[in-house]
Amino acid sequence: MATLYIKEYQYVASTRQQSYVQIGQEPPVAEQTVAIGGASAQSAAFNANTQYVRLHTDAICSVAFGANPTATISNGRMAANQTEYFGVVPGQKLAVITNT
């Protein structure tokens, strides 16, 4: 079964010199997975502290964000084994659907 892995972050990481880097500060505030299939599937609502998410997919898919999103193949596409970071609104969700 194909899966979208979600890590939720409140902060981006910083170096000892107080420079910010484009990765989430571990540990994440929450983690969840969503099964990827032929119909749109939603995540749980993001944590109230979540500002960024790290998505990793093991299959080709499309994702959409919002209060009650429905993913279609016209939404942003992710390749199999791709990892991306996105800024998000706390309390919102993402939806995912398989793509080619």
PDB file of N, CA and C in Angstrom:
ATOM      1  N   MET A   1       0.837  -1.176   0.000  1.00  0.00           N
ATOM      2  CA  MET A   1       0.000   0.000   0.000  1.00  0.00           C
ATOM      3  C   MET A   1       0.885   1.244   0.000  1.00  0.00           C
ATOM      4  N   ALA A   2       0.545   2.212  -0.831  1.00  0.00           N
ATOM      5  CA  ALA A   2       1.301   3.467  -0.920  1.00  0.00           C
ATOM      6  C   ALA A   2       0.943   4.370   0.251  1.00  0.00           C
ATOM      7  N   THR A   3       1.941   5.095   0.740  1.00  0.00           N
ATOM      8  CA  THR A   3       1.750   5.909   1.933  1.00  0.00           C
ATOM      9  C   THR A   3       2.397   7.279   1.778  1.00  0.00           C
ATOM     10  N   LEU A   4       1.709   8.304   2.295  1.00  0.00           N
ATOM     11  CA  LEU A   4       2.273   9.647   2.424  1.00  0.00           C
ATOM     12  C   LEU A   4       2.608   9.834   3.899  1.00  0.00           C
ATOM     13  N   TYR A   5       3.863  10.137   4.187  1.00  0.00           N
ATOM     14  CA  TYR A   5       4.345  10.328   5.547  1.00  0.00           C
ATOM     15  C   TYR A   5       4.413  11.826   5.832  1.00  0.00           C
ATOM     16  N   ILE A   6       3.860  12.248   6.954  1.00  0.00           N
ATOM     17  CA  ILE A   6       3.784  13.665   7.296  1.00  0.00           C
ATOM     18  C   ILE A   6       4.459  13.887   8.651  1.00  0.00           C
ATOM     19  N   LYS A   7       5.435  14.814   8.690  1.00  0.00           N
ATOM     20  CA  LYS A   7       6.010  15.288   9.941  1.00  0.00           C
ATOM     21  C   LYS A   7       5.618  16.747  10.070  1.00  0.00           C
ATOM     22  N   GLU A   8       5.130  17.133  11.235  1.00  0.00           N
ATOM     23  CA  GLU A   8       4.688  18.499  11.476  1.00  0.00           C
ATOM     24  C   GLU A   8       5.702  19.215  12.372  1.00  0.00           C
ATOM     25  N   TYR A   9       6.077  20.442  11.978  1.00  0.00           N
ATOM     26  CA  TYR A   9       7.073  21.215  12.712  1.00  0.00           C
ATOM     27  C   TYR A   9       6.549  22.580  13.098  1.00  0.00           C
ATOM     28  N   GLN A  10       6.998  23.047  14.256  1.00  0.00           N
ATOM     29  CA  GLN A  10       6.679  24.408  14.680  1.00  0.00           C
ATOM     30  C   GLN A  10       7.779  25.366  14.233  1.00  0.00           C
ATOM     31  N   TYR A  11       9.029  24.915  14.236  1.00  0.00           N
ATOM     32  CA  TYR A  11      10.162  25.793  13.950  1.00  0.00           C
ATOM     33  C   TYR A  11      11.048  25.206  12.862  1.00  0.00           C
ATOM     34  N   VAL A  12      11.767  26.091  12.167  1.00  0.00           N
ATOM     35  CA  VAL A  12      12.849  25.633  11.310  1.00  0.00           C
ATOM     36  C   VAL A  12      14.097  25.565  12.180  1.00  0.00           C
ATOM     37  N   ALA A  13      15.036  24.737  11.803  1.00  0.00           N
ATOM     38  CA  ALA A  13      16.245  24.537  12.594  1.00  0.00           C
ATOM     39  C   ALA A  13      17.198  25.716  12.426  1.00  0.00           C
ATOM     40  N   SER A  14      18.086  25.858  13.405  1.00  0.00           N
ATOM     41  CA  SER A  14      19.113  26.900  13.320  1.00  0.00           C
ATOM     42  C   SER A  14      20.468  26.294  13.680  1.00  0.00           C
ATOM     43  N   THR A  15      21.515  26.951  13.213  1.00  0.00           N
ATOM     44  CA  THR A  15      22.879  26.510  13.514  1.00  0.00           C
ATOM     45  C   THR A  15      23.336  27.136  14.828  1.00  0.00           C
ATOM     46  N   ARG A  16      24.504  26.761  15.280  1.00  0.00           N
ATOM     47  CA  ARG A  16      25.065  27.355  16.508  1.00  0.00           C
ATOM     48  C   ARG A  16      25.340  28.846  16.335  1.00  0.00           C
ATOM     49  N   GLN A  17      25.494  29.285  15.088  1.00  0.00           N
ATOM     50  CA  GLN A  17      25.725  30.701  14.797  1.00  0.00           C
ATOM     51  C   GLN A  17      24.406  31.444  14.610  1.00  0.00           C
ATOM     52  N   GLN A  18      23.290  30.799  14.956  1.00  0.00           N
ATOM     53  CA  GLN A  18      21.948  31.375  14.859  1.00  0.00           C
ATOM     54  C   GLN A  18      21.509  31.674  13.431  1.00  0.00           C
ATOM     55  N   SER A  19      22.055  30.935  12.471  1.00  0.00           N
ATOM     56  CA  SER A  19      21.581  31.013  11.089  1.00  0.00           C
ATOM     57  C   SER A  19      20.504  29.954  10.914  1.00  0.00           C
ATOM     58  N   TYR A  20      19.429  30.317  10.250  1.00  0.00           N
ATOM     59  CA  TYR A  20      18.346  29.366  10.032  1.00  0.00           C
ATOM     60  C   TYR A  20      18.606  28.537   8.791  1.00  0.00           C
ATOM     61  N   VAL A  21      18.236  27.280   8.849  1.00  0.00           N
ATOM     62  CA  VAL A  21      18.411  26.375   7.721  1.00  0.00           C
ATOM     63  C   VAL A  21      17.048  25.833   7.306  1.00  0.00           C
ATOM     64  N   GLN A  22      16.935  25.401   6.080  1.00  0.00           N
ATOM     65  CA  GLN A  22      15.654  25.001   5.514  1.00  0.00           C
ATOM     66  C   GLN A  22      15.304  23.548   5.829  1.00  0.00           C
ATOM     67  N   ILE A  23      15.257  23.243   7.113  1.00  0.00           N
ATOM     68  CA  ILE A  23      14.827  21.929   7.592  1.00  0.00           C
ATOM     69  C   ILE A  23      14.041  22.123   8.876  1.00  0.00           C
ATOM     70  N   GLY A  24      13.195  21.181   9.205  1.00  0.00           N
ATOM     71  CA  GLY A  24      12.404  21.268  10.419  1.00  0.00           C
ATOM     72  C   GLY A  24      13.228  20.984  11.657  1.00  0.00           C
ATOM     73  N   GLN A  25      12.865  21.635  12.759  1.00  0.00           N
ATOM     74  CA  GLN A  25      13.529  21.416  14.040  1.00  0.00           C
ATOM     75  C   GLN A  25      12.961  20.159  14.684  1.00  0.00           C
ATOM     76  N   GLU A  26      13.796  19.143  14.840  1.00  0.00           N
ATOM     77  CA  GLU A  26      13.385  17.893  15.480  1.00  0.00           C
ATOM     78  C   GLU A  26      13.362  18.060  16.990  1.00  0.00           C
ATOM     79  N   PRO A  27      12.541  17.369  17.704  1.00  0.00           N
ATOM     80  CA  PRO A  27      11.547  16.436  17.201  1.00  0.00           C
ATOM     81  C   PRO A  27      10.334  17.173  16.650  1.00  0.00           C
ATOM     82  N   PRO A  28       9.593  16.527  15.760  1.00  0.00           N
ATOM     83  CA  PRO A  28       8.390  17.158  15.230  1.00  0.00           C
ATOM     84  C   PRO A  28       7.314  17.258  16.318  1.00  0.00           C
ATOM     85  N   VAL A  29       6.359  18.165  16.122  1.00  0.00           N
ATOM     86  CA  VAL A  29       5.261  18.274  17.092  1.00  0.00           C
ATOM     87  C   VAL A  29       4.239  17.163  16.885  1.00  0.00           C
ATOM     88  N   ALA A  30       4.205  16.577  15.685  1.00  0.00           N
ATOM     89  CA  ALA A  30       3.287  15.467  15.399  1.00  0.00           C
ATOM     90  C   ALA A  30       3.770  14.734  14.158  1.00  0.00           C
ATOM     91  N   GLU A  31       3.354  13.489  14.019  1.00  0.00           N
ATOM     92  CA  GLU A  31       3.606  12.690  12.823  1.00  0.00           C
ATOM     93  C   GLU A  31       2.336  11.915  12.502  1.00  0.00           C
ATOM     94  N   GLN A  32       2.096  11.732  11.211  1.00  0.00           N
ATOM     95  CA  GLN A  32       0.949  10.946  10.772  1.00  0.00           C
ATOM     96  C   GLN A  32       1.222  10.389   9.386  1.00  0.00           C
ATOM     97  N   THR A  33       0.405   9.434   8.976  1.00  0.00           N
ATOM     98  CA  THR A  33       0.486   8.884   7.627  1.00  0.00           C
ATOM     99  C   THR A  33      -0.911   8.899   7.024  1.00  0.00           C
ATOM    100  N   VAL A  34      -0.948   8.953   5.694  1.00  0.00           N
ATOM    101  CA  VAL A  34      -2.209   8.867   4.955  1.00  0.00           C
ATOM    102  C   VAL A  34      -2.006   7.866   3.828  1.00  0.00           C
ATOM    103  N   ALA A  35      -2.908   6.921   3.684  1.00  0.00           N
ATOM    104  CA  ALA A  35      -2.841   5.951   2.589  1.00  0.00           C
ATOM    105  C   ALA A  35      -3.157   6.668   1.276  1.00  0.00           C
ATOM    106  N   ILE A  36      -2.367   6.372   0.255  1.00  0.00           N
ATOM    107  CA  ILE A  36      -2.554   6.969  -1.063  1.00  0.00           C
ATOM    108  C   ILE A  36      -3.326   5.981  -1.924  1.00  0.00           C
ATOM    109  N   GLY A  37      -4.449   6.448  -2.497  1.00  0.00           N
ATOM    110  CA  GLY A  37      -5.262   5.577  -3.336  1.00  0.00           C
ATOM    111  C   GLY A  37      -5.926   6.346  -4.451  1.00  0.00           C
ATOM    112  N   GLY A  38      -6.863   5.715  -5.116  1.00  0.00           N
ATOM    113  CA  GLY A  38      -7.548   6.295  -6.256  1.00  0.00           C
ATOM    114  C   GLY A  38      -8.600   7.330  -5.917  1.00  0.00           C
ATOM    115  N   ALA A  39      -8.939   7.461  -4.642  1.00  0.00           N
ATOM    116  CA  ALA A  39      -9.866   8.498  -4.182  1.00  0.00           C
ATOM    117  C   ALA A  39      -9.117   9.414  -3.228  1.00  0.00           C
ATOM    118  N   SER A  40      -9.507  10.669  -3.183  1.00  0.00           N
ATOM    119  CA  SER A  40      -8.885  11.639  -2.289  1.00  0.00           C
ATOM    120  C   SER A  40      -9.030  11.192  -0.837  1.00  0.00           C
ATOM    121  N   ALA A  41      -7.941  11.274  -0.075  1.00  0.00           N
ATOM    122  CA  ALA A  41      -7.952  10.920   1.345  1.00  0.00           C
ATOM    123  C   ALA A  41      -7.349  12.071   2.131  1.00  0.00           C
ATOM    124  N   GLN A  42      -7.966  12.439   3.250  1.00  0.00           N
ATOM    125  CA  GLN A  42      -7.504  13.559   4.061  1.00  0.00           C
ATOM    126  C   GLN A  42      -6.669  13.097   5.243  1.00  0.00           C
ATOM    127  N   SER A  43      -5.759  13.983   5.637  1.00  0.00           N
ATOM    128  CA  SER A  43      -5.012  13.792   6.873  1.00  0.00           C
ATOM    129  C   SER A  43      -5.882  14.234   8.043  1.00  0.00           C
ATOM    130  N   ALA A  44      -5.388  14.002   9.235  1.00  0.00           N
ATOM    131  CA  ALA A  44      -5.981  14.627  10.412  1.00  0.00           C
ATOM    132  C   ALA A  44      -5.612  16.108  10.374  1.00  0.00           C
ATOM    133  N   ALA A  45      -6.327  16.920  11.124  1.00  0.00           N
ATOM    134  CA  ALA A  45      -6.002  18.347  11.192  1.00  0.00           C
ATOM    135  C   ALA A  45      -4.595  18.517  11.764  1.00  0.00           C
ATOM    136  N   PHE A  46      -3.862  19.507  11.229  1.00  0.00           N
ATOM    137  CA  PHE A  46      -2.519  19.787  11.734  1.00  0.00           C
ATOM    138  C   PHE A  46      -2.607  20.303  13.171  1.00  0.00           C
ATOM    139  N   ASN A  47      -1.590  20.011  13.952  1.00  0.00           N
ATOM    140  CA  ASN A  47      -1.480  20.459  15.331  1.00  0.00           C
ATOM    141  C   ASN A  47      -1.574  21.986  15.401  1.00  0.00           C
ATOM    142  N   ALA A  48      -2.071  22.507  16.504  1.00  0.00           N
ATOM    143  CA  ALA A  48      -2.218  23.959  16.680  1.00  0.00           C
ATOM    144  C   ALA A  48      -0.882  24.693  16.607  1.00  0.00           C
ATOM    145  N   ASN A  49       0.236  23.996  16.837  1.00  0.00           N
ATOM    146  CA  ASN A  49       1.565  24.611  16.776  1.00  0.00           C
ATOM    147  C   ASN A  49       2.273  24.399  15.444  1.00  0.00           C
ATOM    148  N   THR A  50       1.682  23.657  14.542  1.00  0.00           N
ATOM    149  CA  THR A  50       2.345  23.317  13.282  1.00  0.00           C
ATOM    150  C   THR A  50       2.397  24.519  12.345  1.00  0.00           C
ATOM    151  N   GLN A  51       3.599  24.816  11.853  1.00  0.00           N
ATOM    152  CA  GLN A  51       3.824  25.881  10.884  1.00  0.00           C
ATOM    153  C   GLN A  51       4.356  25.337   9.552  1.00  0.00           C
ATOM    154  N   TYR A  52       5.017  24.179   9.614  1.00  0.00           N
ATOM    155  CA  TYR A  52       5.649  23.565   8.446  1.00  0.00           C
ATOM    156  C   TYR A  52       5.385  22.068   8.473  1.00  0.00           C
ATOM    157  N   VAL A  53       5.305  21.461   7.299  1.00  0.00           N
ATOM    158  CA  VAL A  53       5.230  20.007   7.225  1.00  0.00           C
ATOM    159  C   VAL A  53       6.308  19.488   6.288  1.00  0.00           C
ATOM    160  N   ARG A  54       6.777  18.293   6.601  1.00  0.00           N
ATOM    161  CA  ARG A  54       7.681  17.554   5.721  1.00  0.00           C
ATOM    162  C   ARG A  54       6.868  16.391   5.190  1.00  0.00           C
ATOM    163  N   LEU A  55       6.731  16.320   3.878  1.00  0.00           N
ATOM    164  CA  LEU A  55       6.003  15.225   3.250  1.00  0.00           C
ATOM    165  C   LEU A  55       6.997  14.306   2.554  1.00  0.00           C
ATOM    166  N   HIS A  56       6.804  13.016   2.725  1.00  0.00           N
ATOM    167  CA  HIS A  56       7.565  12.023   1.969  1.00  0.00           C
ATOM    168  C   HIS A  56       6.563  11.009   1.439  1.00  0.00           C
ATOM    169  N   THR A  57       6.639  10.774   0.132  1.00  0.00           N
ATOM    170  CA  THR A  57       5.726   9.822  -0.497  1.00  0.00           C
ATOM    171  C   THR A  57       6.505   8.660  -1.079  1.00  0.00           C
ATOM    172  N   ASP A  58       5.961   7.472  -0.977  1.00  0.00           N
ATOM    173  CA  ASP A  58       6.614   6.317  -1.600  1.00  0.00           C
ATOM    174  C   ASP A  58       5.962   5.955  -2.929  1.00  0.00           C
ATOM    175  N   ALA A  59       5.035   6.830  -3.404  1.00  0.00           N
ATOM    176  CA  ALA A  59       4.369   6.610  -4.693  1.00  0.00           C
ATOM    177  C   ALA A  59       4.060   7.966  -5.327  1.00  0.00           C
ATOM    178  N   ILE A  60       3.819   7.979  -6.620  1.00  0.00           N
ATOM    179  CA  ILE A  60       3.440   9.214  -7.310  1.00  0.00           C
ATOM    180  C   ILE A  60       2.060   9.633  -6.823  1.00  0.00           C
ATOM    181  N   CYS A  61       1.929  10.916  -6.446  1.00  0.00           N
ATOM    182  CA  CYS A  61       0.653  11.398  -5.921  1.00  0.00           C
ATOM    183  C   CYS A  61       0.509  12.897  -6.153  1.00  0.00           C
ATOM    184  N   SER A  62      -0.674  13.407  -5.876  1.00  0.00           N
ATOM    185  CA  SER A  62      -0.942  14.842  -5.874  1.00  0.00           C
ATOM    186  C   SER A  62      -1.497  15.204  -4.509  1.00  0.00           C
ATOM    187  N   VAL A  63      -1.146  16.415  -4.014  1.00  0.00           N
ATOM    188  CA  VAL A  63      -1.603  16.856  -2.703  1.00  0.00           C
ATOM    189  C   VAL A  63      -2.268  18.221  -2.795  1.00  0.00           C
ATOM    190  N   ALA A  64      -3.215  18.448  -1.892  1.00  0.00           N
ATOM    191  CA  ALA A  64      -3.896  19.735  -1.781  1.00  0.00           C
ATOM    192  C   ALA A  64      -4.014  20.070  -0.295  1.00  0.00           C
ATOM    193  N   PHE A  65      -3.976  21.358   0.026  1.00  0.00           N
ATOM    194  CA  PHE A  65      -4.061  21.820   1.410  1.00  0.00           C
ATOM    195  C   PHE A  65      -5.311  22.671   1.582  1.00  0.00           C
ATOM    196  N   GLY A  66      -5.883  22.693   2.794  1.00  0.00           N
ATOM    197  CA  GLY A  66      -7.019  23.559   3.073  1.00  0.00           C
ATOM    198  C   GLY A  66      -7.788  23.096   4.293  1.00  0.00           C
ATOM    199  N   ALA A  67      -8.901  23.787   4.559  1.00  0.00           N
ATOM    200  CA  ALA A  67      -9.738  23.448   5.701  1.00  0.00           C
ATOM    201  C   ALA A  67     -10.447  22.110   5.504  1.00  0.00           C
ATOM    202  N   ASN A  68     -10.843  21.824   4.271  1.00  0.00           N
ATOM    203  CA  ASN A  68     -11.515  20.568   3.927  1.00  0.00           C
ATOM    204  C   ASN A  68     -11.132  20.210   2.489  1.00  0.00           C
ATOM    205  N   PRO A  69      -9.839  19.926   2.254  1.00  0.00           N
ATOM    206  CA  PRO A  69      -9.363  19.762   0.880  1.00  0.00           C
ATOM    207  C   PRO A  69      -9.780  18.449   0.233  1.00  0.00           C
ATOM    208  N   THR A  70      -9.914  18.489  -1.085  1.00  0.00           N
ATOM    209  CA  THR A  70     -10.091  17.301  -1.904  1.00  0.00           C
ATOM    210  C   THR A  70      -9.009  17.325  -2.962  1.00  0.00           C
ATOM    211  N   ALA A  71      -8.157  16.331  -2.960  1.00  0.00           N
ATOM    212  CA  ALA A  71      -7.061  16.264  -3.932  1.00  0.00           C
ATOM    213  C   ALA A  71      -7.574  15.729  -5.268  1.00  0.00           C
ATOM    214  N   THR A  72      -7.045  16.304  -6.348  1.00  0.00           N
ATOM    215  CA  THR A  72      -7.288  15.805  -7.699  1.00  0.00           C
ATOM    216  C   THR A  72      -5.940  15.657  -8.385  1.00  0.00           C
ATOM    217  N   ILE A  73      -5.926  15.009  -9.522  1.00  0.00           N
ATOM    218  CA  ILE A  73      -4.659  14.841 -10.242  1.00  0.00           C
ATOM    219  C   ILE A  73      -4.163  16.165 -10.823  1.00  0.00           C
ATOM    220  N   SER A  74      -4.966  17.215 -10.752  1.00  0.00           N
ATOM    221  CA  SER A  74      -4.537  18.544 -11.202  1.00  0.00           C
ATOM    222  C   SER A  74      -3.772  19.304 -10.123  1.00  0.00           C
ATOM    223  N   ASN A  75      -3.805  18.824  -8.879  1.00  0.00           N
ATOM    224  CA  ASN A  75      -3.072  19.476  -7.794  1.00  0.00           C
ATOM    225  C   ASN A  75      -1.587  19.174  -7.889  1.00  0.00           C
ATOM    226  N   GLY A  76      -0.813  19.832  -7.021  1.00  0.00           N
ATOM    227  CA  GLY A  76       0.641  19.663  -7.022  1.00  0.00           C
ATOM    228  C   GLY A  76       1.051  18.206  -6.958  1.00  0.00           C
ATOM    229  N   ARG A  77       1.906  17.802  -7.892  1.00  0.00           N
ATOM    230  CA  ARG A  77       2.316  16.401  -8.033  1.00  0.00           C
ATOM    231  C   ARG A  77       3.634  16.169  -7.316  1.00  0.00           C
ATOM    232  N   MET A  78       3.740  15.035  -6.678  1.00  0.00           N
ATOM    233  CA  MET A  78       4.988  14.586  -6.072  1.00  0.00           C
ATOM    234  C   MET A  78       5.390  13.267  -6.717  1.00  0.00           C
ATOM    235  N   ALA A  79       6.664  13.128  -6.993  1.00  0.00           N
ATOM    236  CA  ALA A  79       7.202  11.895  -7.573  1.00  0.00           C
ATOM    237  C   ALA A  79       7.375  10.837  -6.478  1.00  0.00           C
ATOM    238  N   ALA A  80       7.426   9.594  -6.881  1.00  0.00           N
ATOM    239  CA  ALA A  80       7.683   8.517  -5.924  1.00  0.00           C
ATOM    240  C   ALA A  80       9.020   8.774  -5.231  1.00  0.00           C
ATOM    241  N   ASN A  81       9.060   8.560  -3.922  1.00  0.00           N
ATOM    242  CA  ASN A  81      10.252   8.735  -3.088  1.00  0.00           C
ATOM    243  C   ASN A  81      10.729  10.182  -3.008  1.00  0.00           C
ATOM    244  N   GLN A  82       9.820  11.124  -3.221  1.00  0.00           N
ATOM    245  CA  GLN A  82      10.144  12.546  -3.114  1.00  0.00           C
ATOM    246  C   GLN A  82       9.835  13.043  -1.704  1.00  0.00           C
ATOM    247  N   THR A  83      10.634  13.989  -1.229  1.00  0.00           N
ATOM    248  CA  THR A  83      10.424  14.638   0.056  1.00  0.00           C
ATOM    249  C   THR A  83      10.372  16.142  -0.167  1.00  0.00           C
ATOM    250  N   GLU A  84       9.375  16.805   0.414  1.00  0.00           N
ATOM    251  CA  GLU A  84       9.205  18.258   0.267  1.00  0.00           C
ATOM    252  C   GLU A  84       8.764  18.852   1.599  1.00  0.00           C
ATOM    253  N   TYR A  85       9.113  20.121   1.803  1.00  0.00           N
ATOM    254  CA  TYR A  85       8.639  20.894   2.947  1.00  0.00           C
ATOM    255  C   TYR A  85       7.651  21.942   2.457  1.00  0.00           C
ATOM    256  N   PHE A  86       6.602  22.181   3.257  1.00  0.00           N
ATOM    257  CA  PHE A  86       5.599  23.193   2.939  1.00  0.00           C
ATOM    258  C   PHE A  86       5.250  23.977   4.191  1.00  0.00           C
ATOM    259  N   GLY A  87       5.009  25.272   4.047  1.00  0.00           N
ATOM    260  CA  GLY A  87       4.429  26.065   5.123  1.00  0.00           C
ATOM    261  C   GLY A  87       2.936  25.830   5.120  1.00  0.00           C
ATOM    262  N   VAL A  88       2.341  25.670   6.308  1.00  0.00           N
ATOM    263  CA  VAL A  88       0.910  25.358   6.400  1.00  0.00           C
ATOM    264  C   VAL A  88       0.237  26.209   7.465  1.00  0.00           C
ATOM    265  N   VAL A  89      -1.080  26.166   7.483  1.00  0.00           N
ATOM    266  CA  VAL A  89      -1.892  26.855   8.476  1.00  0.00           C
ATOM    267  C   VAL A  89      -2.262  25.847   9.567  1.00  0.00           C
ATOM    268  N   PRO A  90      -1.984  26.145  10.832  1.00  0.00           N
ATOM    269  CA  PRO A  90      -2.369  25.223  11.905  1.00  0.00           C
ATOM    270  C   PRO A  90      -3.863  24.910  11.845  1.00  0.00           C
ATOM    271  N   GLY A  91      -4.214  23.653  12.103  1.00  0.00           N
ATOM    272  CA  GLY A  91      -5.612  23.248  12.110  1.00  0.00           C
ATOM    273  C   GLY A  91      -6.148  22.829  10.752  1.00  0.00           C
ATOM    274  N   GLN A  92      -5.450  23.210   9.678  1.00  0.00           N
ATOM    275  CA  GLN A  92      -5.901  22.763   8.367  1.00  0.00           C
ATOM    276  C   GLN A  92      -5.440  21.340   8.113  1.00  0.00           C
ATOM    277  N   LYS A  93      -5.737  20.806   6.928  1.00  0.00           N
ATOM    278  CA  LYS A  93      -5.434  19.413   6.571  1.00  0.00           C
ATOM    279  C   LYS A  93      -4.798  19.377   5.194  1.00  0.00           C
ATOM    280  N   LEU A  94      -4.365  18.192   4.809  1.00  0.00           N
ATOM    281  CA  LEU A  94      -3.987  17.965   3.423  1.00  0.00           C
ATOM    282  C   LEU A  94      -4.753  16.769   2.916  1.00  0.00           C
ATOM    283  N   ALA A  95      -4.899  16.727   1.621  1.00  0.00           N
ATOM    284  CA  ALA A  95      -5.544  15.588   0.956  1.00  0.00           C
ATOM    285  C   ALA A  95      -4.573  15.055  -0.078  1.00  0.00           C
ATOM    286  N   VAL A  96      -4.645  13.761  -0.328  1.00  0.00           N
ATOM    287  CA  VAL A  96      -3.725  13.118  -1.265  1.00  0.00           C
ATOM    288  C   VAL A  96      -4.507  12.144  -2.143  1.00  0.00           C
ATOM    289  N   ILE A  97      -4.041  11.992  -3.385  1.00  0.00           N
ATOM    290  CA  ILE A  97      -4.621  11.053  -4.339  1.00  0.00           C
ATOM    291  C   ILE A  97      -3.494  10.515  -5.214  1.00  0.00           C
ATOM    292  N   THR A  98      -3.611   9.294  -5.688  1.00  0.00           N
ATOM    293  CA  THR A  98      -2.604   8.742  -6.581  1.00  0.00           C
ATOM    294  C   THR A  98      -2.594   9.485  -7.910  1.00  0.00           C
ATOM    295  N   ASN A  99      -1.462   9.504  -8.569  1.00  0.00           N
ATOM    296  CA  ASN A  99      -1.290  10.165  -9.863  1.00  0.00           C
ATOM    297  C   ASN A  99      -0.329   9.331 -10.696  1.00  0.00           C
ATOM    298  N   THR A 100      -0.135   9.733 -11.945  1.00  0.00           N
ATOM    299  CA  THR A 100       0.815   9.003 -12.807  1.00  0.00           C
ATOM    300  C   THR A 100       1.907   9.935 -13.283  1.00  0.00           C
TER     301      THR A 100
END
